[in-house]
C-alpha cells in the first residue's frame, strides 16, 4: 500500500499576487475558485489567464463559434467577479488544439513578468484519466505544460526573450506553484465556508451547465469529505512546490 501524503496548510504570508493559468473559461471555477476567494479576501491580487477561446465548448448548432466565444468571456468575467477576481486575461488560442508552442510560451512569459506573481496555479500535465469515467481534456494537460515551460526555464532567465527587458518586463521567479490534479497533492484548502459561492461561480457558465439543479448536488457529493465529528467539509487540494 502507498502511504498517504500528509496535508499541510497553505502559506500565503509572502504572496501579494497570484496567477491562475487554465485552458478554458470555467476551468478556474471548477479547480480553484474557493482558493481564489480566500486569497482575494486576504488582499491578494488574483488574475485568471484563460489560454483558449472556448469555441468548442458547446454542442448547440444554433450558437455560432463567435457567439460562443463572446458568451464564454462574459460568463468567465461574471464568475471571476463573484470570487473577487478583477482581472481575466484571454489568450485566444483555439479550443481543443492547445499546444505548448514557442509563440505561446513567449506570450505567457510576458504576462508572468508583467504581473510578477509570487504564486501560480496550473493543471497537472500528466493527468490523462480522472476516475474511471473521464478522459482528461488534452487542453487541460497542455495548459499545465504551457504554464510550467513559461515558469521554468523562461520567466526568470534573461536569456529567454531578452527583448522584453526593453518593454519593461524584467525576469521574474515565482516562489510557489500549486498543481491541480496531481496524485501527490499535499496542500489542502478548506473551502467549506465558500462552497456555495464556488458553485454560483460555476453556474455563471450557462453554456456549459446542462442541469443547474442536479449538477450542484453531484458536485457537493463529489467534493465533500465526512469528518470524525460527523460534519462534512469541502476542500481544494494541490501539489505545492516552493522555490528559494
Protein backbone atom coordinates (compact mmCIF):
# COMPACT_ATOMS: atom_id res chain seq x y z
CA UNK A 1 0.00 0.00 0.00
CA UNK A 2 1.15 3.53 -0.77
CA UNK A 3 1.50 5.65 2.34
CA UNK A 4 -0.83 8.66 2.33
CA UNK A 5 0.88 12.01 1.95
CA UNK A 6 0.07 14.29 4.90
CA UNK A 7 -1.60 17.55 4.01
CA UNK A 8 -0.12 20.85 5.11
CA UNK A 9 -1.82 24.23 5.36
CA UNK A 10 -1.16 26.88 2.72
CA UNK A 11 1.36 29.63 3.40
CA UNK A 12 0.42 32.89 1.69
CA UNK A 13 2.30 35.15 4.08
CA UNK A 14 4.55 36.46 1.31
CA UNK A 15 2.02 36.29 -1.54
CA UNK A 16 0.78 39.59 -2.93
CA UNK A 17 -0.20 38.41 -6.41
CA UNK A 18 -1.38 35.05 -7.73
CA UNK A 19 -1.84 33.94 -11.33
CA UNK A 20 -4.19 31.10 -12.31
CA UNK A 21 -3.31 29.61 -15.72
CA UNK A 22 -6.04 27.38 -17.16
CA UNK A 23 -7.19 26.10 -20.54
CA UNK A 24 -10.85 27.09 -20.76
CA UNK A 25 -13.38 29.51 -19.35
CA UNK A 26 -14.86 27.69 -16.31
CA UNK A 27 -11.66 25.74 -15.51
CA UNK A 28 -10.62 28.15 -12.71
CA UNK A 29 -14.05 27.86 -11.12
CA UNK A 30 -14.07 24.07 -11.05
CA UNK A 31 -10.46 23.75 -9.89
CA UNK A 32 -9.62 26.63 -7.56
CA UNK A 33 -12.45 29.16 -7.13
CA UNK A 34 -12.59 28.57 -3.38
CA UNK A 35 -8.86 29.18 -3.09
CA UNK A 36 -9.15 32.32 -5.22
CA UNK A 37 -11.96 33.61 -2.99
CA UNK A 38 -9.85 33.16 0.12
CA UNK A 39 -6.81 34.77 -1.46
CA UNK A 40 -8.83 37.77 -2.64
CA UNK A 41 -10.38 38.11 0.82
CA UNK A 42 -6.88 38.34 2.27
CA UNK A 43 -5.97 41.13 -0.15
CA UNK A 44 -4.06 39.02 -2.65
CA UNK A 45 -4.48 40.21 -6.23
CA UNK A 46 -5.63 37.19 -8.24
CA UNK A 47 -5.54 37.08 -12.04
CA UNK A 48 -7.09 34.42 -14.24
CA UNK A 49 -5.35 33.60 -17.52
CA UNK A 50 -7.54 31.59 -19.91
CA UNK A 51 -5.44 30.11 -22.69
CA UNK A 52 -8.13 29.10 -25.22
CA UNK A 53 -11.16 30.90 -26.59
CA UNK A 54 -13.57 28.13 -25.59
CA UNK A 55 -15.08 27.90 -29.06
CA UNK A 56 -15.69 24.13 -28.88
CA UNK A 57 -17.42 24.13 -25.51
CA UNK A 58 -21.00 23.60 -26.66
CA UNK A 59 -22.99 21.12 -28.75
CA UNK A 60 -25.77 23.54 -29.72
CA UNK A 61 -25.71 24.03 -33.53
CA UNK A 62 -27.73 27.23 -33.17
CA UNK A 63 -24.83 29.04 -31.48
CA UNK A 64 -22.10 30.25 -33.81
CA UNK A 65 -18.44 29.99 -32.94
CA UNK A 66 -18.07 33.75 -32.47
CA UNK A 67 -21.19 33.93 -30.34
CA UNK A 68 -19.88 31.17 -28.10
CA UNK A 69 -16.50 32.88 -27.69
CA UNK A 70 -18.22 36.11 -26.67
CA UNK A 71 -20.64 34.36 -24.29
CA UNK A 72 -17.88 32.44 -22.57
CA UNK A 73 -15.90 35.62 -21.93
CA UNK A 74 -18.96 37.18 -20.34
CA UNK A 75 -19.53 34.09 -18.22
CA UNK A 76 -15.92 33.92 -17.04
CA UNK A 77 -15.77 37.59 -16.12
CA UNK A 78 -19.01 37.26 -14.16
CA UNK A 79 -17.75 34.18 -12.34
CA UNK A 80 -14.42 35.82 -11.57
CA UNK A 81 -16.14 38.88 -10.13
CA UNK A 82 -18.10 36.66 -7.73
CA UNK A 83 -14.78 35.32 -6.46
CA UNK A 84 -13.16 38.74 -6.03
CA UNK A 85 -11.00 38.31 -9.14
CA UNK A 86 -10.87 41.56 -11.09
CA UNK A 87 -8.56 40.69 -13.98
CA UNK A 88 -9.17 37.95 -16.56
CA UNK A 89 -6.75 37.54 -19.46
CA UNK A 90 -7.93 35.72 -22.58
CA UNK A 91 -5.07 34.38 -24.68
CA UNK A 92 -7.41 33.31 -27.52
CA UNK A 93 -5.78 30.04 -28.59
CA UNK A 94 -8.13 27.66 -30.42
CA UNK A 95 -10.11 25.41 -28.11
CA UNK A 96 -9.26 21.73 -28.45
CA UNK A 97 -5.88 22.23 -30.08
CA UNK A 98 -3.84 23.94 -27.39
CA UNK A 99 -0.11 23.34 -27.84
CA UNK A 100 2.98 24.50 -25.90
CA UNK A 101 4.35 26.48 -28.84
CA UNK A 102 7.25 28.91 -28.73
CA UNK A 103 4.90 31.78 -29.53
CA UNK A 104 2.51 30.97 -26.68
CA UNK A 105 5.37 30.44 -24.24
CA UNK A 106 6.59 33.92 -25.08
CA UNK A 107 3.15 35.44 -24.54
CA UNK A 108 2.65 33.69 -21.21
CA UNK A 109 6.18 34.56 -20.10
CA UNK A 110 5.50 38.21 -20.86
CA UNK A 111 2.41 38.16 -18.64
CA UNK A 112 4.28 36.45 -15.81
CA UNK A 113 6.96 39.13 -16.00
CA UNK A 114 4.31 41.85 -16.17
CA UNK A 115 2.12 40.58 -13.32
CA UNK A 116 5.04 39.27 -11.22
CA UNK A 117 3.03 36.74 -9.19
CA UNK A 118 4.52 35.04 -6.19
CA UNK A 119 2.18 32.08 -6.68
CA UNK A 120 0.92 30.34 -9.83
CA UNK A 121 -1.86 27.75 -10.02
CA UNK A 122 -1.96 25.38 -13.01
CA UNK A 123 -3.14 21.92 -14.01
CA UNK A 124 -1.19 18.66 -13.98
CA UNK A 125 0.24 17.98 -17.47
CA UNK A 126 0.49 14.25 -16.73
CA UNK A 127 -3.16 13.67 -15.85
CA UNK A 128 -4.70 11.58 -18.63
CA UNK A 129 -7.54 9.95 -16.70
CA UNK A 130 -9.89 11.11 -13.95
CA UNK A 131 -11.56 8.30 -12.05
CA UNK A 132 -12.98 5.51 -14.18
CA UNK A 133 -15.28 7.54 -16.40
CA UNK A 134 -13.46 10.59 -17.75
CA UNK A 135 -10.58 11.12 -20.15
CA UNK A 136 -8.88 14.36 -19.25
CA UNK A 137 -9.15 17.01 -21.96
CA UNK A 138 -5.86 17.42 -23.87
CA UNK A 139 -6.12 21.18 -23.39
CA UNK A 140 -6.08 20.66 -19.62
CA UNK A 141 -2.84 18.72 -19.89
CA UNK A 142 -1.24 21.10 -22.34
CA UNK A 143 -2.29 24.12 -20.28
CA UNK A 144 -0.20 22.70 -17.45
CA UNK A 145 2.71 22.20 -19.81
CA UNK A 146 2.39 25.75 -21.18
CA UNK A 147 2.42 27.12 -17.64
CA UNK A 148 5.38 25.04 -16.47
CA UNK A 149 7.51 25.81 -19.51
CA UNK A 150 6.87 29.52 -19.13
CA UNK A 151 7.68 29.43 -15.41
CA UNK A 152 10.86 27.43 -15.99
CA UNK A 153 13.13 27.94 -17.69
CA UNK A 154 11.78 31.08 -19.36
CA UNK A 155 10.28 33.61 -16.93
CA UNK A 156 13.28 34.20 -14.69
CA UNK A 157 16.05 33.76 -17.26
CA UNK A 158 17.11 36.96 -19.07
CA UNK A 159 18.46 34.90 -21.96
CA UNK A 160 14.90 33.95 -22.86
CA UNK A 161 13.10 36.67 -24.82
CA UNK A 162 15.64 39.42 -24.00
CA UNK A 163 13.60 41.98 -25.95
CA UNK A 164 11.10 42.00 -23.08
CA UNK A 165 13.55 43.97 -20.98
CA UNK A 166 13.25 46.80 -23.48
CA UNK A 167 9.48 46.61 -22.99
CA UNK A 168 9.93 46.95 -19.23
CA UNK A 169 9.24 43.28 -18.41
CA UNK A 170 12.19 42.03 -16.41
CA UNK A 171 12.79 38.39 -15.46
CA UNK A 172 10.69 37.13 -12.58
CA UNK A 173 10.89 33.99 -10.44
CA UNK A 174 7.80 32.76 -8.67
CA UNK A 175 8.09 31.45 -5.12
CA UNK A 176 5.20 28.96 -5.07
CA UNK A 177 3.45 26.70 -7.57
CA UNK A 178 0.16 24.88 -6.97
CA UNK A 179 -0.59 21.99 -9.35
CA UNK A 180 -4.21 20.83 -9.50
CA UNK A 181 -4.96 17.17 -10.18
CA UNK A 182 -1.60 15.85 -9.01
CA UNK A 183 -1.54 12.36 -7.45
CA UNK A 184 0.80 13.61 -4.72
CA UNK A 185 -1.28 16.59 -3.62
CA UNK A 186 -0.02 17.80 -0.25
CA UNK A 187 -1.69 21.16 0.35
CA UNK A 188 -5.37 21.38 1.17
CA UNK A 189 -7.56 24.48 1.47
CA UNK A 190 -10.80 24.19 3.42
CA UNK A 191 -13.38 25.99 1.28
CA UNK A 192 -16.45 24.91 3.25
CA UNK A 193 -17.49 28.48 4.04
CA UNK A 194 -17.18 29.42 0.36
CA UNK A 195 -18.57 26.31 -1.32
CA UNK A 196 -21.84 27.98 -2.29
CA UNK A 197 -20.00 30.91 -3.88
CA UNK A 198 -17.84 28.44 -5.81
CA UNK A 199 -20.98 26.73 -7.07
CA UNK A 200 -22.55 30.04 -8.06
CA UNK A 201 -19.37 30.89 -9.97
CA UNK A 202 -19.60 27.61 -11.87
CA UNK A 203 -23.27 28.23 -12.62
CA UNK A 204 -22.30 31.52 -14.29
CA UNK A 205 -21.11 29.32 -17.16
CA UNK A 206 -24.58 28.76 -18.54
CA UNK A 207 -23.28 27.50 -21.90
CA UNK A 208 -21.56 24.64 -20.07
CA UNK A 209 -24.04 23.53 -17.42
CA UNK A 210 -26.68 21.15 -18.74
CA UNK A 211 -28.51 20.74 -15.43
CA UNK A 212 -28.14 23.59 -12.91
CA UNK A 213 -30.24 21.68 -10.36
CA UNK A 214 -28.70 18.22 -10.31
CA UNK A 215 -25.18 19.42 -11.17
CA UNK A 216 -24.54 21.13 -7.82
CA UNK A 217 -25.87 18.08 -5.97
CA UNK A 218 -23.32 15.87 -7.74
CA UNK A 219 -20.51 18.34 -7.11
CA UNK A 220 -21.30 18.58 -3.40
CA UNK A 221 -21.29 14.81 -3.13
CA UNK A 222 -18.00 14.51 -5.02
CA UNK A 223 -16.17 17.28 -3.21
CA UNK A 224 -17.35 16.65 0.36
CA UNK A 225 -15.42 14.71 2.97
CA UNK A 226 -17.02 13.39 6.13
CA UNK A 227 -15.17 14.34 9.30
CA UNK A 228 -14.68 12.36 12.53
CA UNK A 229 -17.05 14.73 14.34
CA UNK A 230 -19.83 13.95 11.88
CA UNK A 231 -19.53 17.20 9.93
CA UNK A 232 -18.90 17.44 6.20
CA UNK A 233 -16.14 19.70 4.89
CA UNK A 234 -15.15 20.74 1.38
CA UNK A 235 -11.60 21.15 0.12
CA UNK A 236 -9.47 22.13 -2.86
CA UNK A 237 -6.11 20.45 -2.90
CA UNK A 238 -2.88 20.83 -4.83
CA UNK A 239 0.68 19.64 -5.14
CA UNK A 240 2.57 22.63 -3.75
CA UNK A 241 6.12 23.46 -4.78
CA UNK A 242 8.26 26.15 -3.19
CA UNK A 243 11.26 27.84 -4.74
CA UNK A 244 14.05 29.70 -3.00
